[in-house]
Amino acid sequence: MARAQKEDRNRDQESELIEKLVGINRVAKVVKGGRRFGFAAMVVVGDGRGRVGYGTGKAREVPEAIRKATEDAKRKMIRVPLREGRTLHHDVKGHFGAGKVVLRSAPVGTGIIAGGPLRAVFEAVGVQDVVAKSNGTSNPHNMIKAAFEGLGRSRSPRMVAQRRGKKVSDILGSRPEAEA
């Protein structure tokens, strides 16, 4: 009975996931008789509320490659703390290989200012206001891995306070009346 309820809950969570196809590459394997073509897919999956993952899959057919990539992304999901459910708590830098990204929190109404693969990541995670800049490479694999490296290091004030053994108000300090 408990197993059936757990499976139903997992199915419900999976149905709510946002899947974004980042890219498909045609790859070739050279064999004695010529070339064998296959496909490599990269997918970003998120729930729109702070959980996101990316995955890759390879297969002889495009739908099978996408399915494999989606399963891989669901297995590798991480939680990203969001401020007010719409942006990052602080600016983050990430890098992977030659890919470098700068992810900056933004005020309300800014929107997602990011290119290609990074836009897919932010839409899947549920960020509505963010500015992102990628330097170094335009390779989608390296850009996404750099973004995940940065997002994985982002912390909320609550997490910082807990780690330091303090209160959140001690971390943020007293705010002037004009900001409040």
Protein backbone atom coordinates (compact mmCIF):
# COMPACT_ATOMS: atom_id res chain seq x y z
CA MET A 1 0.00 0.00 0.00
CA ALA A 2 2.73 2.46 0.96
CA ARG A 3 4.68 1.63 -2.20
CA ALA A 4 1.65 2.41 -4.39
CA GLN A 5 1.17 5.79 -2.67
CA LYS A 6 4.85 6.61 -3.13
CA GLU A 7 4.67 5.73 -6.84
CA ASP A 8 1.55 7.91 -7.25
CA ARG A 9 3.32 10.82 -5.53
CA ASN A 10 6.39 10.41 -7.79
CA ARG A 11 4.14 10.28 -10.87
CA ASP A 12 2.38 13.49 -9.76
CA GLN A 13 5.70 15.26 -9.24
CA GLU A 14 6.99 14.13 -12.64
CA SER A 15 3.86 15.37 -14.41
CA GLU A 16 4.48 18.89 -13.02
CA LEU A 17 8.04 19.05 -14.38
CA ILE A 18 9.03 21.52 -17.09
CA GLU A 19 11.20 19.91 -19.77
CA LYS A 20 13.33 22.08 -22.07
CA LEU A 21 15.28 20.59 -24.95
CA VAL A 22 18.57 22.49 -25.14
CA GLY A 23 20.10 20.81 -28.15
CA ILE A 24 20.39 17.78 -30.38
CA ASN A 25 23.59 16.77 -32.18
CA ARG A 26 23.92 14.20 -34.90
CA VAL A 27 26.95 12.06 -34.12
CA ALA A 28 28.63 9.48 -36.34
CA LYS A 29 30.51 6.30 -35.54
CA VAL A 30 32.80 5.09 -38.30
CA VAL A 31 32.65 1.33 -38.78
CA LYS A 32 33.96 -1.02 -41.45
CA GLY A 33 30.89 -0.62 -43.66
CA GLY A 34 30.74 3.18 -43.40
CA ARG A 35 29.20 5.57 -40.86
CA ARG A 36 26.57 4.77 -38.27
CA PHE A 37 24.59 7.86 -37.28
CA GLY A 38 23.14 8.49 -33.87
CA PHE A 39 21.82 11.44 -31.89
CA ALA A 40 22.95 13.12 -28.68
CA ALA A 41 20.40 15.21 -26.78
CA MET A 42 20.68 17.62 -23.85
CA VAL A 43 17.61 18.38 -21.73
CA VAL A 44 16.95 20.67 -18.74
CA VAL A 45 14.16 19.64 -16.34
CA GLY A 46 12.71 21.72 -13.49
CA ASP A 47 9.61 22.11 -11.36
CA GLY A 48 9.39 25.91 -11.64
CA ARG A 49 9.79 26.24 -7.86
CA GLY A 50 13.54 25.92 -7.32
CA ARG A 51 14.43 22.37 -8.39
CA VAL A 52 16.32 21.85 -11.64
CA GLY A 53 18.52 19.28 -13.33
CA TYR A 54 20.20 18.66 -16.66
CA GLY A 55 20.90 15.45 -18.50
CA THR A 56 22.35 14.03 -21.67
CA GLY A 57 21.38 10.98 -23.66
CA LYS A 58 22.57 9.24 -26.81
CA ALA A 59 20.66 6.86 -29.05
CA ARG A 60 20.11 5.89 -32.68
CA GLU A 61 16.74 7.71 -32.77
CA VAL A 62 15.94 11.26 -31.62
CA PRO A 63 12.96 10.45 -29.31
CA GLU A 64 14.95 7.76 -27.51
CA ALA A 65 17.89 10.16 -26.99
CA ILE A 66 15.52 12.79 -25.56
CA ARG A 67 13.90 10.21 -23.25
CA LYS A 68 17.31 9.11 -21.94
CA ALA A 69 18.39 12.72 -21.40
CA THR A 70 15.15 13.50 -19.52
CA GLU A 71 15.60 10.51 -17.20
CA ASP A 72 19.20 11.56 -16.55
CA ALA A 73 18.07 15.12 -15.75
CA LYS A 74 15.43 13.90 -13.28
CA ARG A 75 18.08 11.86 -11.46
CA LYS A 76 20.49 14.81 -11.18
CA MET A 77 18.12 17.49 -9.86
CA ILE A 78 19.40 20.09 -7.40
CA ARG A 79 17.57 22.63 -5.24
CA VAL A 80 18.25 26.32 -5.87
CA PRO A 81 17.20 28.79 -3.15
CA LEU A 82 15.10 31.62 -4.62
CA ARG A 83 14.38 35.05 -3.15
CA GLU A 84 10.63 35.76 -3.10
CA GLY A 85 10.27 32.81 -5.51
CA ARG A 86 11.39 34.93 -8.45
CA THR A 87 15.16 35.62 -8.41
CA LEU A 88 18.49 34.58 -6.91
CA HIS A 89 19.56 35.69 -3.44
CA HIS A 90 22.95 36.97 -4.59
CA ASP A 91 25.23 37.20 -7.62
CA VAL A 92 26.96 33.95 -8.53
CA LYS A 93 29.85 33.04 -10.80
CA GLY A 94 30.35 29.59 -12.20
CA HIS A 95 32.77 27.99 -14.60
CA PHE A 96 33.25 24.67 -16.30
CA GLY A 97 35.97 24.11 -18.87
CA ALA A 98 36.19 27.24 -21.00
CA GLY A 99 32.62 28.25 -20.08
CA LYS A 100 32.22 31.04 -17.54
CA VAL A 101 28.88 32.48 -16.46
CA VAL A 102 27.87 35.36 -14.21
CA LEU A 103 24.35 35.11 -12.77
CA ARG A 104 22.98 38.28 -11.18
CA SER A 105 19.80 38.81 -9.20
CA ALA A 106 17.54 41.48 -10.67
CA PRO A 107 14.69 43.75 -9.53
CA VAL A 108 11.04 42.93 -10.17
CA GLY A 109 9.99 43.22 -13.81
CA THR A 110 13.45 42.72 -15.32
CA GLY A 111 12.64 39.34 -16.83
CA ILE A 112 15.13 36.69 -17.91
CA ILE A 113 18.01 38.38 -19.67
CA ALA A 114 20.06 35.40 -20.75
CA GLY A 115 20.97 33.64 -23.95
CA GLY A 116 19.96 30.23 -25.28
CA PRO A 117 20.86 27.42 -22.88
CA LEU A 118 20.91 29.64 -19.79
CA ARG A 119 17.38 30.86 -20.56
CA ALA A 120 16.18 27.24 -20.57
CA VAL A 121 17.76 26.67 -17.14
CA PHE A 122 16.09 29.75 -15.61
CA GLU A 123 12.68 28.96 -17.10
CA ALA A 124 12.87 25.42 -15.72
CA VAL A 125 13.99 26.51 -12.24
CA GLY A 126 11.26 29.16 -12.03
CA VAL A 127 13.40 32.31 -11.94
CA GLN A 128 11.53 35.29 -13.39
CA ASP A 129 14.05 38.11 -12.91
CA VAL A 130 17.73 37.48 -13.61
CA VAL A 131 20.59 38.81 -15.70
CA ALA A 132 23.13 36.29 -16.98
CA LYS A 133 26.31 36.76 -18.96
CA SER A 134 28.35 33.95 -20.46
CA ASN A 135 32.00 34.37 -21.36
CA GLY A 136 34.56 32.08 -22.91
CA THR A 137 32.53 29.61 -24.93
CA SER A 138 29.15 29.30 -26.58
CA ASN A 139 29.16 25.51 -26.19
CA PRO A 140 25.77 24.70 -24.59
CA HIS A 141 27.19 21.78 -22.57
CA ASN A 142 29.86 23.92 -20.90
CA MET A 143 27.48 26.87 -20.38
CA ILE A 144 24.88 24.72 -18.63
CA LYS A 145 27.47 22.89 -16.51
CA ALA A 146 28.97 26.26 -15.49
CA ALA A 147 25.50 27.58 -14.59
CA PHE A 148 24.77 24.50 -12.48
CA GLU A 149 28.15 24.82 -10.77
CA GLY A 150 27.25 28.40 -9.83
CA LEU A 151 23.64 27.64 -8.86
CA GLY A 152 24.83 24.76 -6.69
CA ARG A 153 26.94 27.21 -4.68
CA SER A 154 24.18 29.78 -4.16
CA ARG A 155 22.96 30.07 -0.57
CA SER A 156 19.97 31.71 1.08
CA PRO A 157 20.41 33.95 4.14
CA ARG A 158 18.69 31.24 6.20
CA MET A 159 21.28 28.65 5.12
CA VAL A 160 24.17 31.02 5.92
CA ALA A 161 22.72 31.88 9.32
CA GLN A 162 22.18 28.22 10.18
CA ARG A 163 25.76 27.34 9.23
CA ARG A 164 27.17 30.19 11.31
CA GLY A 165 24.86 29.51 14.26
CA LYS A 166 23.28 32.97 14.09
CA LYS A 167 19.90 34.51 13.35
CA VAL A 168 18.90 35.64 9.86
CA SER A 169 18.57 39.23 11.13
CA ASP A 170 22.22 39.11 12.29
CA ILE A 171 23.30 38.09 8.78
CA LEU A 172 21.21 40.65 6.89
CA GLY A 173 21.71 43.45 9.42
CA SER A 174 19.18 46.13 10.20
CA ARG A 175 17.57 47.68 7.14
CA PRO A 176 16.93 51.43 6.89
CA GLU A 177 13.27 52.48 6.91
CA ALA A 178 13.50 53.69 3.27
CA GLU A 179 14.17 50.16 1.98
CA ALA A 180 11.53 48.44 4.10
